[in-house]
Amino acid sequence: AHANSFGRVEHTGQAASEACAGVARIGELEPTRTLAC
């Protein structure tokens, strides 16, 4: 259902958690949607 509704999501657990916590330096990780953290 998630794949059909949203298509590809560019954050799995580890990478998304890094982005949520704000540790990715500029240019290292660009999320494709806003994370509600």
Full PDB file with SEQRES, HELIX, SHEET, SSBOND, CRYST1, ORIGX, SCALE, CONECT and MASTER records, all heavy atoms in Angstrom:
SEQRES   1 A   37  ALA HIS ALA ASN SER PHE GLY ARG VAL GLU HIS THR GLY          
SEQRES   2 A   37  GLN ALA ALA SER GLU ALA CYS ALA GLY VAL ALA ARG ILE          
SEQRES   3 A   37  GLY GLU LEU GLU PRO THR ARG THR LEU ALA CYS                  
HELIX    1 AA1 HIS A    2  PHE A    6  1                                   5    
HELIX    2 AA2 GLY A   13  ALA A   21  1                                   9    
SSBOND   1 CYS A   20    CYS A   37                          1555   1555  2.33  
CRYST1    1.000    1.000    1.000  90.00  90.00  90.00 P 1           1          
ORIGX1      1.000000  0.000000  0.000000        0.00000                         
ORIGX2      0.000000  1.000000  0.000000        0.00000                         
ORIGX3      0.000000  0.000000  1.000000        0.00000                         
SCALE1      1.000000  0.000000  0.000000        0.00000                         
SCALE2      0.000000  1.000000  0.000000        0.00000                         
SCALE3      0.000000  0.000000  1.000000        0.00000                         
ATOM      1  N   ALA A   1       0.834  -1.209   0.000  1.00  0.00           N  
ATOM      2  CA  ALA A   1       0.000   0.000   0.000  1.00  0.00           C  
ATOM      3  C   ALA A   1       0.861   1.249   0.000  1.00  0.00           C  
ATOM      4  O   ALA A   1       0.569   2.225  -0.699  1.00  0.00           O  
ATOM      5  CB  ALA A   1      -0.933  -0.007   1.207  1.00  0.00           C  
ATOM      6  N   HIS A   2       1.950   1.228   0.774  1.00  0.00           N  
ATOM      7  CA  HIS A   2       2.826   2.385   0.854  1.00  0.00           C  
ATOM      8  C   HIS A   2       3.517   2.631  -0.481  1.00  0.00           C  
ATOM      9  O   HIS A   2       3.634   3.767  -0.938  1.00  0.00           O  
ATOM     10  CB  HIS A   2       3.871   2.175   1.951  1.00  0.00           C  
ATOM     11  CG  HIS A   2       4.570   3.434   2.347  1.00  0.00           C  
ATOM     12  ND1 HIS A   2       4.135   4.231   3.390  1.00  0.00           N  
ATOM     13  CD2 HIS A   2       5.660   4.050   1.843  1.00  0.00           C  
ATOM     14  CE1 HIS A   2       4.940   5.270   3.510  1.00  0.00           C  
ATOM     15  NE2 HIS A   2       5.876   5.176   2.592  1.00  0.00           N  
ATOM     16  N   ALA A   3       3.954   1.560  -1.129  1.00  0.00           N  
ATOM     17  CA  ALA A   3       4.622   1.703  -2.417  1.00  0.00           C  
ATOM     18  C   ALA A   3       3.665   2.262  -3.468  1.00  0.00           C  
ATOM     19  O   ALA A   3       4.038   3.109  -4.290  1.00  0.00           O  
ATOM     20  CB  ALA A   3       5.187   0.360  -2.868  1.00  0.00           C  
ATOM     21  N   ASN A   4       2.427   1.813  -3.449  1.00  0.00           N  
ATOM     22  CA  ASN A   4       1.446   2.285  -4.417  1.00  0.00           C  
ATOM     23  C   ASN A   4       1.069   3.748  -4.185  1.00  0.00           C  
ATOM     24  O   ASN A   4       0.815   4.503  -5.118  1.00  0.00           O  
ATOM     25  CB  ASN A   4       0.178   1.425  -4.350  1.00  0.00           C  
ATOM     26  CG  ASN A   4       0.426   0.017  -4.831  1.00  0.00           C  
ATOM     27  OD1 ASN A   4       1.350  -0.223  -5.609  1.00  0.00           O  
ATOM     28  ND2 ASN A   4      -0.388  -0.927  -4.365  1.00  0.00           N  
ATOM     29  N   SER A   5       1.045   4.165  -2.904  1.00  0.00           N  
ATOM     30  CA  SER A   5       0.595   5.524  -2.579  1.00  0.00           C  
ATOM     31  C   SER A   5       1.695   6.554  -2.739  1.00  0.00           C  
ATOM     32  O   SER A   5       1.461   7.674  -3.175  1.00  0.00           O  
ATOM     33  CB  SER A   5       0.058   5.567  -1.146  1.00  0.00           C  
ATOM     34  OG  SER A   5      -1.024   4.680  -0.996  1.00  0.00           O  
ATOM     35  N   PHE A   6       2.918   6.184  -2.356  1.00  0.00           N  
ATOM     36  CA  PHE A   6       3.974   7.178  -2.286  1.00  0.00           C  
ATOM     37  C   PHE A   6       5.134   6.904  -3.220  1.00  0.00           C  
ATOM     38  O   PHE A   6       6.014   7.741  -3.358  1.00  0.00           O  
ATOM     39  CB  PHE A   6       4.516   7.259  -0.847  1.00  0.00           C  
ATOM     40  CG  PHE A   6       3.467   7.672   0.138  1.00  0.00           C  
ATOM     41  CD1 PHE A   6       2.839   6.735   0.945  1.00  0.00           C  
ATOM     42  CD2 PHE A   6       3.104   8.995   0.262  1.00  0.00           C  
ATOM     43  CE1 PHE A   6       1.877   7.110   1.849  1.00  0.00           C  
ATOM     44  CE2 PHE A   6       2.136   9.375   1.170  1.00  0.00           C  
ATOM     45  CZ  PHE A   6       1.525   8.437   1.970  1.00  0.00           C  
ATOM     46  N   GLY A   7       5.170   5.743  -3.833  1.00  0.00           N  
ATOM     47  CA  GLY A   7       6.296   5.425  -4.688  1.00  0.00           C  
ATOM     48  C   GLY A   7       7.529   5.164  -3.853  1.00  0.00           C  
ATOM     49  O   GLY A   7       7.460   4.751  -2.713  1.00  0.00           O  
ATOM     50  N   ARG A   8       8.698   5.451  -4.428  1.00  0.00           N  
ATOM     51  CA  ARG A   8       9.948   5.189  -3.725  1.00  0.00           C  
ATOM     52  C   ARG A   8      10.147   6.198  -2.610  1.00  0.00           C  
ATOM     53  O   ARG A   8       9.915   7.379  -2.769  1.00  0.00           O  
ATOM     54  CB  ARG A   8      11.131   5.277  -4.706  1.00  0.00           C  
ATOM     55  CG  ARG A   8      11.196   4.127  -5.681  1.00  0.00           C  
ATOM     56  CD  ARG A   8      12.294   4.373  -6.696  1.00  0.00           C  
ATOM     57  NE  ARG A   8      13.591   4.484  -6.065  1.00  0.00           N  
ATOM     58  CZ  ARG A   8      14.383   3.467  -5.776  1.00  0.00           C  
ATOM     59  NH1 ARG A   8      13.982   2.242  -6.042  1.00  0.00           N  
ATOM     60  NH2 ARG A   8      15.555   3.645  -5.232  1.00  0.00           N  
ATOM     61  N   VAL A   9      10.594   5.708  -1.471  1.00  0.00           N  
ATOM     62  CA  VAL A   9      10.934   6.562  -0.348  1.00  0.00           C  
ATOM     63  C   VAL A   9      12.437   6.471  -0.150  1.00  0.00           C  
ATOM     64  O   VAL A   9      12.974   5.387  -0.023  1.00  0.00           O  
ATOM     65  CB  VAL A   9      10.194   6.102   0.941  1.00  0.00           C  
ATOM     66  CG1 VAL A   9      10.592   6.974   2.107  1.00  0.00           C  
ATOM     67  CG2 VAL A   9       8.697   6.156   0.719  1.00  0.00           C  
ATOM     68  N   GLU A  10      13.086   7.587  -0.114  1.00  0.00           N  
ATOM     69  CA  GLU A  10      14.538   7.579  -0.145  1.00  0.00           C  
ATOM     70  C   GLU A  10      15.198   7.463   1.221  1.00  0.00           C  
ATOM     71  O   GLU A  10      16.364   7.747   1.369  1.00  0.00           O  
ATOM     72  CB  GLU A  10      15.033   8.865  -0.832  1.00  0.00           C  
ATOM     73  CG  GLU A  10      14.596   8.967  -2.289  1.00  0.00           C  
ATOM     74  CD  GLU A  10      15.115   7.796  -3.104  1.00  0.00           C  
ATOM     75  OE1 GLU A  10      16.226   7.333  -2.862  1.00  0.00           O  
ATOM     76  OE2 GLU A  10      14.379   7.344  -3.990  1.00  0.00           O  
ATOM     77  N   HIS A  11      14.449   7.067   2.239  1.00  0.00           N  
ATOM     78  CA  HIS A  11      15.048   6.888   3.564  1.00  0.00           C  
ATOM     79  C   HIS A  11      14.622   5.560   4.157  1.00  0.00           C  
ATOM     80  O   HIS A  11      13.464   5.351   4.426  1.00  0.00           O  
ATOM     81  CB  HIS A  11      14.592   7.989   4.531  1.00  0.00           C  
ATOM     82  CG  HIS A  11      15.179   9.319   4.241  1.00  0.00           C  
ATOM     83  ND1 HIS A  11      16.520   9.567   4.333  1.00  0.00           N  
ATOM     84  CD2 HIS A  11      14.593  10.482   3.865  1.00  0.00           C  
ATOM     85  CE1 HIS A  11      16.747  10.841   4.040  1.00  0.00           C  
ATOM     86  NE2 HIS A  11      15.598  11.405   3.751  1.00  0.00           N  
ATOM     87  N   THR A  12      15.533   4.629   4.354  1.00  0.00           N  
ATOM     88  CA  THR A  12      15.242   3.489   5.206  1.00  0.00           C  
ATOM     89  C   THR A  12      15.642   3.860   6.616  1.00  0.00           C  
ATOM     90  O   THR A  12      16.107   4.956   6.873  1.00  0.00           O  
ATOM     91  CB  THR A  12      16.023   2.256   4.725  1.00  0.00           C  
ATOM     92  OG1 THR A  12      17.392   2.601   4.632  1.00  0.00           O  
ATOM     93  CG2 THR A  12      15.507   1.795   3.383  1.00  0.00           C  
ATOM     94  N   GLY A  13      15.460   2.896   7.527  1.00  0.00           N  
ATOM     95  CA  GLY A  13      15.611   3.198   8.941  1.00  0.00           C  
ATOM     96  C   GLY A  13      16.857   3.959   9.312  1.00  0.00           C  
ATOM     97  O   GLY A  13      16.791   5.047   9.865  1.00  0.00           O  
ATOM     98  N   GLN A  14      18.037   3.417   9.021  1.00  0.00           N  
ATOM     99  CA  GLN A  14      19.261   4.055   9.487  1.00  0.00           C  
ATOM    100  C   GLN A  14      19.439   5.431   8.867  1.00  0.00           C  
ATOM    101  O   GLN A  14      19.646   6.418   9.558  1.00  0.00           O  
ATOM    102  CB  GLN A  14      20.466   3.157   9.137  1.00  0.00           C  
ATOM    103  CG  GLN A  14      21.818   3.771   9.452  1.00  0.00           C  
ATOM    104  CD  GLN A  14      22.103   3.769  10.934  1.00  0.00           C  
ATOM    105  OE1 GLN A  14      21.462   3.053  11.680  1.00  0.00           O  
ATOM    106  NE2 GLN A  14      23.044   4.573  11.367  1.00  0.00           N  
ATOM    107  N   ALA A  15      19.343   5.539   7.543  1.00  0.00           N  
ATOM    108  CA  ALA A  15      19.564   6.821   6.894  1.00  0.00           C  
ATOM    109  C   ALA A  15      18.510   7.838   7.288  1.00  0.00           C  
ATOM    110  O   ALA A  15      18.801   9.008   7.510  1.00  0.00           O  
ATOM    111  CB  ALA A  15      19.570   6.645   5.376  1.00  0.00           C  
ATOM    112  N   ALA A  16      17.264   7.398   7.388  1.00  0.00           N  
ATOM    113  CA  ALA A  16      16.199   8.314   7.771  1.00  0.00           C  
ATOM    114  C   ALA A  16      16.365   8.794   9.192  1.00  0.00           C  
ATOM    115  O   ALA A  16      16.131   9.952   9.503  1.00  0.00           O  
ATOM    116  CB  ALA A  16      14.841   7.621   7.608  1.00  0.00           C  
ATOM    117  N   SER A  17      16.799   7.889  10.071  1.00  0.00           N  
ATOM    118  CA  SER A  17      17.001   8.285  11.456  1.00  0.00           C  
ATOM    119  C   SER A  17      18.128   9.297  11.555  1.00  0.00           C  
ATOM    120  O   SER A  17      18.087  10.232  12.348  1.00  0.00           O  
ATOM    121  CB  SER A  17      17.311   7.056  12.306  1.00  0.00           C  
ATOM    122  OG  SER A  17      17.360   7.380  13.655  1.00  0.00           O  
ATOM    123  N   GLU A  18      19.169   9.123  10.736  1.00  0.00           N  
ATOM    124  CA  GLU A  18      20.248  10.103  10.715  1.00  0.00           C  
ATOM    125  C   GLU A  18      19.713  11.464  10.284  1.00  0.00           C  
ATOM    126  O   GLU A  18      20.024  12.494  10.885  1.00  0.00           O  
ATOM    127  CB  GLU A  18      21.349   9.664   9.732  1.00  0.00           C  
ATOM    128  CG  GLU A  18      21.952   8.304  10.012  1.00  0.00           C  
ATOM    129  CD  GLU A  18      22.842   8.312  11.228  1.00  0.00           C  
ATOM    130  OE1 GLU A  18      22.981   9.371  11.861  1.00  0.00           O  
ATOM    131  OE2 GLU A  18      23.393   7.243  11.561  1.00  0.00           O  
ATOM    132  N   ALA A  19      18.907  11.478   9.228  1.00  0.00           N  
ATOM    133  CA  ALA A  19      18.381  12.745   8.735  1.00  0.00           C  
ATOM    134  C   ALA A  19      17.479  13.400   9.760  1.00  0.00           C  
ATOM    135  O   ALA A  19      17.507  14.610   9.967  1.00  0.00           O  
ATOM    136  CB  ALA A  19      17.609  12.505   7.432  1.00  0.00           C  
ATOM    137  N   CYS A  20      16.645  12.574  10.436  1.00  0.00           N  
ATOM    138  CA  CYS A  20      15.732  13.106  11.438  1.00  0.00           C  
ATOM    139  C   CYS A  20      16.499  13.760  12.564  1.00  0.00           C  
ATOM    140  O   CYS A  20      16.114  14.782  13.080  1.00  0.00           O  
ATOM    141  CB  CYS A  20      14.848  11.995  11.974  1.00  0.00           C  
ATOM    142  SG  CYS A  20      13.723  12.512  13.261  1.00  0.00           S  
ATOM    143  N   ALA A  21      17.616  13.127  12.977  1.00  0.00           N  
ATOM    144  CA  ALA A  21      18.362  13.647  14.107  1.00  0.00           C  
ATOM    145  C   ALA A  21      19.233  14.840  13.732  1.00  0.00           C  
ATOM    146  O   ALA A  21      19.845  15.454  14.566  1.00  0.00           O  
ATOM    147  CB  ALA A  21      19.240  12.532  14.696  1.00  0.00           C  
ATOM    148  N   GLY A  22      19.320  15.173  12.469  1.00  0.00           N  
ATOM    149  CA  GLY A  22      20.017  16.372  12.058  1.00  0.00           C  
ATOM    150  C   GLY A  22      21.521  16.230  12.001  1.00  0.00           C  
ATOM    151  O   GLY A  22      22.251  17.191  12.198  1.00  0.00           O  
ATOM    152  N   VAL A  23      22.032  15.026  11.733  1.00  0.00           N  
ATOM    153  CA  VAL A  23      23.475  14.851  11.747  1.00  0.00           C  
ATOM    154  C   VAL A  23      24.078  14.852  10.348  1.00  0.00           C  
ATOM    155  O   VAL A  23      25.287  14.874  10.201  1.00  0.00           O  
ATOM    156  CB  VAL A  23      23.865  13.530  12.436  1.00  0.00           C  
ATOM    157  CG1 VAL A  23      23.366  13.526  13.856  1.00  0.00           C  
ATOM    158  CG2 VAL A  23      23.290  12.361  11.687  1.00  0.00           C  
ATOM    159  N   ALA A  24      23.266  14.776   9.317  1.00  0.00           N  
ATOM    160  CA  ALA A  24      23.803  14.752   7.959  1.00  0.00           C  
ATOM    161  C   ALA A  24      24.380  16.114   7.617  1.00  0.00           C  
ATOM    162  O   ALA A  24      23.731  17.130   7.776  1.00  0.00           O  
ATOM    163  CB  ALA A  24      22.707  14.391   6.972  1.00  0.00           C  
ATOM    164  N   ARG A  25      25.608  16.125   7.177  1.00  0.00           N  
ATOM    165  CA  ARG A  25      26.201  17.385   6.767  1.00  0.00           C  
ATOM    166  C   ARG A  25      25.690  17.781   5.391  1.00  0.00           C  
ATOM    167  O   ARG A  25      25.179  16.957   4.648  1.00  0.00           O  
ATOM    168  CB  ARG A  25      27.726  17.252   6.776  1.00  0.00           C  
ATOM    169  CG  ARG A  25      28.261  16.971   8.184  1.00  0.00           C  
ATOM    170  CD  ARG A  25      29.760  16.853   8.191  1.00  0.00           C  
ATOM    171  NE  ARG A  25      30.236  16.551   9.540  1.00  0.00           N  
ATOM    172  CZ  ARG A  25      31.504  16.354   9.834  1.00  0.00           C  
ATOM    173  NH1 ARG A  25      32.430  16.408   8.896  1.00  0.00           N  
ATOM    174  NH2 ARG A  25      31.863  16.096  11.078  1.00  0.00           N  
ATOM    175  N   ILE A  26      25.847  19.026   5.052  1.00  0.00           N  
ATOM    176  CA  ILE A  26      25.292  19.543   3.800  1.00  0.00           C  
ATOM    177  C   ILE A  26      25.847  18.748   2.624  1.00  0.00           C  
ATOM    178  O   ILE A  26      27.046  18.557   2.495  1.00  0.00           O  
ATOM    179  CB  ILE A  26      25.641  21.036   3.637  1.00  0.00           C  
ATOM    180  CG1 ILE A  26      24.962  21.832   4.761  1.00  0.00           C  
ATOM    181  CG2 ILE A  26      25.215  21.545   2.278  1.00  0.00           C  
ATOM    182  CD1 ILE A  26      25.342  23.294   4.759  1.00  0.00           C  
ATOM    183  N   GLY A  27      24.929  18.285   1.785  1.00  0.00           N  
ATOM    184  CA  GLY A  27      25.325  17.575   0.585  1.00  0.00           C  
ATOM    185  C   GLY A  27      25.468  16.083   0.750  1.00  0.00           C  
ATOM    186  O   GLY A  27      25.568  15.357  -0.223  1.00  0.00           O  
ATOM    187  N   GLU A  28      25.468  15.580   2.023  1.00  0.00           N  
ATOM    188  CA  GLU A  28      25.662  14.153   2.226  1.00  0.00           C  
ATOM    189  C   GLU A  28      24.360  13.372   2.136  1.00  0.00           C  
ATOM    190  O   GLU A  28      24.363  12.206   1.792  1.00  0.00           O  
ATOM    191  CB  GLU A  28      26.295  13.897   3.602  1.00  0.00           C  
ATOM    192  CG  GLU A  28      27.746  14.329   3.651  1.00  0.00           C  
ATOM    193  CD  GLU A  28      28.354  13.998   4.992  1.00  0.00           C  
ATOM    194  OE1 GLU A  28      27.630  13.984   5.995  1.00  0.00           O  
ATOM    195  OE2 GLU A  28      29.572  13.753   5.019  1.00  0.00           O  
ATOM    196  N   LEU A  29      23.242  14.008   2.473  1.00  0.00           N  
ATOM    197  CA  LEU A  29      21.976  13.295   2.446  1.00  0.00           C  
ATOM    198  C   LEU A  29      20.877  14.290   2.142  1.00  0.00           C  
ATOM    199  O   LEU A  29      20.652  15.223   2.886  1.00  0.00           O  
ATOM    200  CB  LEU A  29      21.716  12.622   3.796  1.00  0.00           C  
ATOM    201  CG  LEU A  29      20.444  11.776   3.901  1.00  0.00           C  
ATOM    202  CD1 LEU A  29      20.509  10.633   2.901  1.00  0.00           C  
ATOM    203  CD2 LEU A  29      20.293  11.225   5.303  1.00  0.00           C  
ATOM    204  N   GLU A  30      20.203  14.109   1.020  1.00  0.00           N  
ATOM    205  CA  GLU A  30      19.123  15.006   0.633  1.00  0.00           C  
ATOM    206  C   GLU A  30      17.805  14.258   0.657  1.00  0.00           C  
ATOM    207  O   GLU A  30      17.534  13.448  -0.215  1.00  0.00           O  
ATOM    208  CB  GLU A  30      19.380  15.565  -0.783  1.00  0.00           C  
ATOM    209  CG  GLU A  30      20.546  16.533  -0.857  1.00  0.00           C  
ATOM    210  CD  GLU A  30      20.287  17.799  -0.077  1.00  0.00           C  
ATOM    211  OE1 GLU A  30      19.106  18.165   0.094  1.00  0.00           O  
ATOM    212  OE2 GLU A  30      21.244  18.432   0.381  1.00  0.00           O  
ATOM    213  N   PRO A  31      16.973  14.469   1.658  1.00  0.00           N  
ATOM    214  CA  PRO A  31      15.688  13.767   1.704  1.00  0.00           C  
ATOM    215  C   PRO A  31      14.763  14.234   0.595  1.00  0.00           C  
ATOM    216  O   PRO A  31      14.814  15.384   0.172  1.00  0.00           O  
ATOM    217  CB  PRO A  31      15.129  14.132   3.080  1.00  0.00           C  
ATOM    218  CG  PRO A  31      15.811  15.419   3.434  1.00  0.00           C  
ATOM    219  CD  PRO A  31      17.156  15.385   2.789  1.00  0.00           C  
ATOM    220  N   THR A  32      13.910  13.323   0.112  1.00  0.00           N  
ATOM    221  CA  THR A  32      12.976  13.666  -0.950  1.00  0.00           C  
ATOM    222  C   THR A  32      11.665  14.202  -0.416  1.00  0.00           C  
ATOM    223  O   THR A  32      10.805  14.604  -1.158  1.00  0.00           O  
ATOM    224  CB  THR A  32      12.685  12.419  -1.806  1.00  0.00           C  
ATOM    225  OG1 THR A  32      12.167  11.389  -0.955  1.00  0.00           O  
ATOM    226  CG2 THR A  32      13.943  11.933  -2.480  1.00  0.00           C  
ATOM    227  N   ARG A  33      11.476  14.127   0.926  1.00  0.00           N  
ATOM    228  CA  ARG A  33      10.281  14.716   1.513  1.00  0.00           C  
ATOM    229  C   ARG A  33      10.625  15.191   2.915  1.00  0.00           C  
ATOM    230  O   ARG A  33      11.619  14.782   3.496  1.00  0.00           O  
ATOM    231  CB  ARG A  33       9.137  13.690   1.574  1.00  0.00           C  
ATOM    232  CG  ARG A  33       9.459  12.418   2.325  1.00  0.00           C  
ATOM    233  CD  ARG A  33       8.298  11.450   2.244  1.00  0.00           C  
ATOM    234  NE  ARG A  33       8.621  10.174   2.825  1.00  0.00           N  
ATOM    235  CZ  ARG A  33       8.444   9.878   4.108  1.00  0.00           C  
ATOM    236  NH1 ARG A  33       7.975  10.797   4.926  1.00  0.00           N  
ATOM    237  NH2 ARG A  33       8.734   8.688   4.578  1.00  0.00           N  
ATOM    238  N   THR A  34       9.816  16.070   3.460  1.00  0.00           N  
ATOM    239  CA  THR A  34      10.085  16.619   4.773  1.00  0.00           C  
ATOM    240  C   THR A  34       9.849  15.568   5.844  1.00  0.00           C  
ATOM    241  O   THR A  34       8.857  14.862   5.824  1.00  0.00           O  
ATOM    242  CB  THR A  34       9.163  17.821   5.045  1.00  0.00           C  
ATOM    243  OG1 THR A  34       9.383  18.776   4.027  1.00  0.00           O  
ATOM    244  CG2 THR A  34       9.460  18.430   6.410  1.00  0.00           C  
ATOM    245  N   LEU A  35      10.773  15.463   6.806  1.00  0.00           N  
ATOM    246  CA  LEU A  35      10.629  14.523   7.900  1.00  0.00           C  
ATOM    247  C   LEU A  35      10.026  15.247   9.094  1.00  0.00           C  
ATOM    248  O   LEU A  35      10.549  16.248   9.551  1.00  0.00           O  
ATOM    249  CB  LEU A  35      11.997  13.945   8.293  1.00  0.00           C  
ATOM    250  CG  LEU A  35      12.684  13.093   7.222  1.00  0.00           C  
ATOM    251  CD1 LEU A  35      14.058  12.700   7.692  1.00  0.00           C  
ATOM    252  CD2 LEU A  35      11.863  11.870   6.908  1.00  0.00           C  
ATOM    253  N   ALA A  36       8.905  14.739   9.598  1.00  0.00           N  
ATOM    254  CA  ALA A  36       8.239  15.364  10.738  1.00  0.00           C  
ATOM    255  C   ALA A  36       8.879  14.866  12.024  1.00  0.00           C  
ATOM    256  O   ALA A  36       8.405  13.935  12.643  1.00  0.00           O  
ATOM    257  CB  ALA A  36       6.743  15.025  10.734  1.00  0.00           C  
ATOM    258  N   CYS A  37      10.012  15.470  12.401  1.00  0.00           N  
ATOM    259  CA  CYS A  37      10.778  14.969  13.527  1.00  0.00           C  
ATOM    260  C   CYS A  37      10.608  15.843  14.752  1.00  0.00           C  
ATOM    261  O   CYS A  37      10.494  17.055  14.645  1.00  0.00           O  
ATOM    262  CB  CYS A  37      12.267  14.917  13.183  1.00  0.00           C  
ATOM    263  SG  CYS A  37      12.621  13.898  11.740  1.00  0.00           S  
TER     264      CYS A  37                                                      
CONECT  142  263                                                                
CONECT  263  142                                                                
MASTER        0    0    0    2    0    0    0    6  263    1    2    3          
END                                                                             
